[in-house]
Amino acid sequence: MDGRGRALDNIFVERLWRTVKYEDVYIKGYQTIPEAQDGLKDYFDYYNMGRRQSSLNNQVPWTVFSGIEALELKPSVK
């Protein structure tokens, strides 16, 4: 990634994956690819529709994006 402003684009992606690693991947320690795919799908559903973000004034991303009130989702424990 080169060019003006590209480093700033990476900040958001790096922050997202840091959160995913510390809140899901390291805790669950996936052993197989299908297990990781299922677990990450569940986590991203929670992240987008249930996890409140301080940068969004403690709102859920889905609520901000769609304007529709989100469901209260909790990460599944397997």
N, C-alpha and C. Protein backbone atom coordinates (compact mmCIF):
# COMPACT_ATOMS: atom_id res chain seq x y z
N MET A 1 0.85 -1.17 0.00
CA MET A 1 0.00 0.00 0.00
C MET A 1 0.90 1.23 0.00
N ASP A 2 0.83 1.94 -1.06
CA ASP A 2 1.59 3.18 -1.11
C ASP A 2 0.66 4.30 -1.58
N GLY A 3 1.14 5.46 -1.45
CA GLY A 3 0.33 6.60 -1.86
C GLY A 3 -0.11 7.40 -0.65
N ARG A 4 -0.60 8.53 -0.94
CA ARG A 4 -0.99 9.47 0.11
C ARG A 4 -2.23 8.98 0.88
N GLY A 5 -2.14 8.96 2.20
CA GLY A 5 -3.27 8.61 3.04
C GLY A 5 -3.48 7.12 3.25
N ARG A 6 -2.69 6.28 2.62
CA ARG A 6 -2.88 4.84 2.73
C ARG A 6 -2.59 4.33 4.14
N ALA A 7 -1.62 4.91 4.82
CA ALA A 7 -1.29 4.46 6.17
C ALA A 7 -2.48 4.66 7.10
N LEU A 8 -3.24 5.71 6.90
CA LEU A 8 -4.41 5.96 7.74
C LEU A 8 -5.50 4.93 7.51
N ASP A 9 -5.61 4.40 6.31
CA ASP A 9 -6.58 3.34 6.02
C ASP A 9 -6.26 2.09 6.83
N ASN A 10 -4.99 1.80 7.01
CA ASN A 10 -4.57 0.60 7.73
C ASN A 10 -4.91 0.65 9.21
N ILE A 11 -5.01 1.83 9.78
CA ILE A 11 -5.27 1.97 11.21
C ILE A 11 -6.56 1.25 11.59
N PHE A 12 -7.61 1.44 10.82
CA PHE A 12 -8.90 0.85 11.14
C PHE A 12 -8.88 -0.67 11.02
N VAL A 13 -8.21 -1.17 9.99
CA VAL A 13 -8.12 -2.61 9.79
C VAL A 13 -7.28 -3.24 10.89
N GLU A 14 -6.16 -2.62 11.23
CA GLU A 14 -5.30 -3.15 12.29
C GLU A 14 -6.04 -3.16 13.62
N ARG A 15 -6.80 -2.13 13.92
CA ARG A 15 -7.55 -2.06 15.18
C ARG A 15 -8.62 -3.15 15.21
N LEU A 16 -9.31 -3.36 14.08
CA LEU A 16 -10.33 -4.40 14.01
C LEU A 16 -9.72 -5.77 14.30
N TRP A 17 -8.63 -6.12 13.60
CA TRP A 17 -8.05 -7.45 13.77
C TRP A 17 -7.42 -7.63 15.14
N ARG A 18 -6.91 -6.56 15.75
CA ARG A 18 -6.42 -6.67 17.11
C ARG A 18 -7.57 -7.05 18.05
N THR A 19 -8.71 -6.41 17.86
CA THR A 19 -9.88 -6.72 18.68
C THR A 19 -10.33 -8.16 18.46
N VAL A 20 -10.39 -8.59 17.21
CA VAL A 20 -10.82 -9.96 16.89
C VAL A 20 -9.88 -10.97 17.54
N LYS A 21 -8.59 -10.73 17.45
CA LYS A 21 -7.63 -11.66 18.04
C LYS A 21 -7.78 -11.77 19.55
N TYR A 22 -7.84 -10.62 20.22
CA TYR A 22 -7.86 -10.64 21.68
C TYR A 22 -9.21 -11.04 22.26
N GLU A 23 -10.31 -10.74 21.58
CA GLU A 23 -11.62 -11.07 22.12
C GLU A 23 -12.16 -12.42 21.64
N ASP A 24 -11.55 -13.01 20.62
CA ASP A 24 -12.10 -14.26 20.09
C ASP A 24 -11.03 -15.31 19.82
N VAL A 25 -10.13 -15.04 18.93
CA VAL A 25 -9.20 -16.06 18.44
C VAL A 25 -8.31 -16.61 19.56
N TYR A 26 -7.68 -15.73 20.34
CA TYR A 26 -6.79 -16.21 21.39
C TYR A 26 -7.54 -16.93 22.50
N ILE A 27 -8.75 -16.51 22.76
CA ILE A 27 -9.54 -17.13 23.83
C ILE A 27 -10.01 -18.52 23.43
N LYS A 28 -10.48 -18.67 22.19
CA LYS A 28 -11.05 -19.96 21.77
C LYS A 28 -10.03 -20.92 21.21
N GLY A 29 -8.92 -20.43 20.69
CA GLY A 29 -7.86 -21.30 20.19
C GLY A 29 -8.34 -22.30 19.16
N TYR A 30 -8.86 -21.83 18.06
CA TYR A 30 -9.40 -22.70 17.02
C TYR A 30 -8.36 -23.72 16.54
N GLN A 31 -8.80 -24.96 16.32
CA GLN A 31 -7.91 -26.04 15.91
C GLN A 31 -8.01 -26.37 14.43
N THR A 32 -9.17 -26.09 13.81
CA THR A 32 -9.35 -26.41 12.39
C THR A 32 -9.89 -25.19 11.66
N ILE A 33 -9.73 -25.19 10.35
CA ILE A 33 -10.21 -24.08 9.52
C ILE A 33 -11.74 -23.96 9.60
N PRO A 34 -12.52 -25.06 9.45
CA PRO A 34 -13.98 -24.91 9.56
C PRO A 34 -14.42 -24.37 10.92
N GLU A 35 -13.74 -24.81 11.98
CA GLU A 35 -14.05 -24.32 13.31
C GLU A 35 -13.78 -22.81 13.40
N ALA A 36 -12.66 -22.36 12.83
CA ALA A 36 -12.33 -20.93 12.82
C ALA A 36 -13.32 -20.14 11.98
N GLN A 37 -13.72 -20.68 10.84
CA GLN A 37 -14.69 -19.98 9.99
C GLN A 37 -16.02 -19.79 10.71
N ASP A 38 -16.50 -20.85 11.35
CA ASP A 38 -17.77 -20.76 12.08
C ASP A 38 -17.65 -19.79 13.26
N GLY A 39 -16.55 -19.89 13.99
CA GLY A 39 -16.36 -19.03 15.15
C GLY A 39 -16.22 -17.57 14.77
N LEU A 40 -15.48 -17.29 13.70
CA LEU A 40 -15.32 -15.91 13.26
C LEU A 40 -16.61 -15.33 12.70
N LYS A 41 -17.40 -16.16 12.03
CA LYS A 41 -18.70 -15.69 11.56
C LYS A 41 -19.56 -15.27 12.74
N ASP A 42 -19.60 -16.12 13.77
CA ASP A 42 -20.36 -15.78 14.98
C ASP A 42 -19.83 -14.51 15.63
N TYR A 43 -18.50 -14.38 15.70
CA TYR A 43 -17.93 -13.21 16.34
C TYR A 43 -18.25 -11.94 15.55
N PHE A 44 -18.14 -11.98 14.21
CA PHE A 44 -18.42 -10.78 13.42
C PHE A 44 -19.90 -10.41 13.47
N ASP A 45 -20.78 -11.40 13.59
CA ASP A 45 -22.19 -11.09 13.81
C ASP A 45 -22.35 -10.33 15.12
N TYR A 46 -21.70 -10.81 16.16
CA TYR A 46 -21.74 -10.13 17.46
C TYR A 46 -21.10 -8.74 17.35
N TYR A 47 -19.95 -8.65 16.70
CA TYR A 47 -19.22 -7.38 16.59
C TYR A 47 -20.07 -6.31 15.90
N ASN A 48 -20.76 -6.70 14.85
CA ASN A 48 -21.55 -5.74 14.08
C ASN A 48 -22.93 -5.47 14.64
N MET A 49 -23.51 -6.46 15.33
CA MET A 49 -24.90 -6.31 15.74
C MET A 49 -25.11 -6.34 17.26
N GLY A 50 -24.06 -6.56 18.04
CA GLY A 50 -24.25 -6.66 19.47
C GLY A 50 -23.23 -5.94 20.32
N ARG A 51 -22.04 -5.70 19.79
CA ARG A 51 -20.96 -5.11 20.57
C ARG A 51 -21.01 -3.59 20.44
N ARG A 52 -21.10 -2.94 21.56
CA ARG A 52 -21.16 -1.47 21.55
C ARG A 52 -19.75 -0.91 21.36
N GLN A 53 -19.65 0.14 20.56
CA GLN A 53 -18.36 0.74 20.21
C GLN A 53 -18.24 2.12 20.87
N SER A 54 -17.17 2.33 21.60
CA SER A 54 -16.99 3.63 22.24
C SER A 54 -16.82 4.74 21.22
N SER A 55 -16.25 4.43 20.06
CA SER A 55 -16.07 5.44 19.02
C SER A 55 -17.39 5.85 18.37
N LEU A 56 -18.44 5.06 18.62
CA LEU A 56 -19.77 5.37 18.07
C LEU A 56 -20.73 5.79 19.18
N ASN A 57 -20.19 6.41 20.23
CA ASN A 57 -21.00 6.84 21.37
C ASN A 57 -21.77 5.68 22.00
N ASN A 58 -21.08 4.56 22.17
CA ASN A 58 -21.65 3.35 22.77
C ASN A 58 -22.87 2.82 22.03
N GLN A 59 -22.86 2.98 20.73
CA GLN A 59 -23.90 2.40 19.90
C GLN A 59 -23.35 1.17 19.19
N VAL A 60 -24.25 0.36 18.69
CA VAL A 60 -23.88 -0.82 17.92
C VAL A 60 -23.67 -0.38 16.46
N PRO A 61 -22.63 -0.88 15.77
CA PRO A 61 -22.39 -0.47 14.39
C PRO A 61 -23.61 -0.64 13.48
N TRP A 62 -24.35 -1.71 13.65
CA TRP A 62 -25.51 -1.93 12.81
C TRP A 62 -26.54 -0.82 12.97
N THR A 63 -26.73 -0.35 14.18
CA THR A 63 -27.67 0.73 14.45
C THR A 63 -27.24 2.01 13.75
N VAL A 64 -25.96 2.32 13.82
CA VAL A 64 -25.45 3.53 13.19
C VAL A 64 -25.57 3.43 11.67
N PHE A 65 -25.21 2.28 11.12
CA PHE A 65 -25.21 2.09 9.67
C PHE A 65 -26.63 2.08 9.09
N SER A 66 -27.52 1.34 9.73
CA SER A 66 -28.84 1.14 9.15
C SER A 66 -29.92 2.05 9.71
N GLY A 67 -29.70 2.55 10.90
CA GLY A 67 -30.73 3.34 11.54
C GLY A 67 -31.81 2.48 12.19
N ILE A 68 -31.64 1.17 12.15
CA ILE A 68 -32.58 0.23 12.76
C ILE A 68 -31.98 -0.26 14.07
N GLU A 69 -32.80 -0.37 15.09
CA GLU A 69 -32.30 -0.85 16.39
C GLU A 69 -31.82 -2.29 16.26
N ALA A 70 -30.62 -2.57 16.77
CA ALA A 70 -30.01 -3.89 16.67
C ALA A 70 -30.50 -4.82 17.77
N LEU A 71 -30.37 -6.08 17.53
CA LEU A 71 -30.69 -7.10 18.54
C LEU A 71 -29.58 -7.12 19.57
N GLU A 72 -29.90 -7.51 20.77
CA GLU A 72 -28.88 -7.67 21.80
C GLU A 72 -28.30 -9.07 21.64
N LEU A 73 -27.15 -9.17 20.97
CA LEU A 73 -26.49 -10.44 20.75
C LEU A 73 -25.32 -10.57 21.69
N LYS A 74 -25.08 -11.77 22.13
CA LYS A 74 -23.91 -12.05 22.96
C LYS A 74 -23.09 -13.10 22.23
N PRO A 75 -21.76 -13.05 22.37
CA PRO A 75 -20.96 -14.04 21.67
C PRO A 75 -21.28 -15.44 22.18
N SER A 76 -21.33 -16.39 21.25
CA SER A 76 -21.65 -17.75 21.65
C SER A 76 -20.40 -18.42 22.21
N VAL A 77 -20.59 -19.21 23.21
CA VAL A 77 -19.50 -19.94 23.83
C VAL A 77 -19.65 -21.39 23.43
N LYS A 78 -18.63 -21.92 22.78
CA LYS A 78 -18.69 -23.31 22.31
C LYS A 78 -17.71 -24.13 23.08
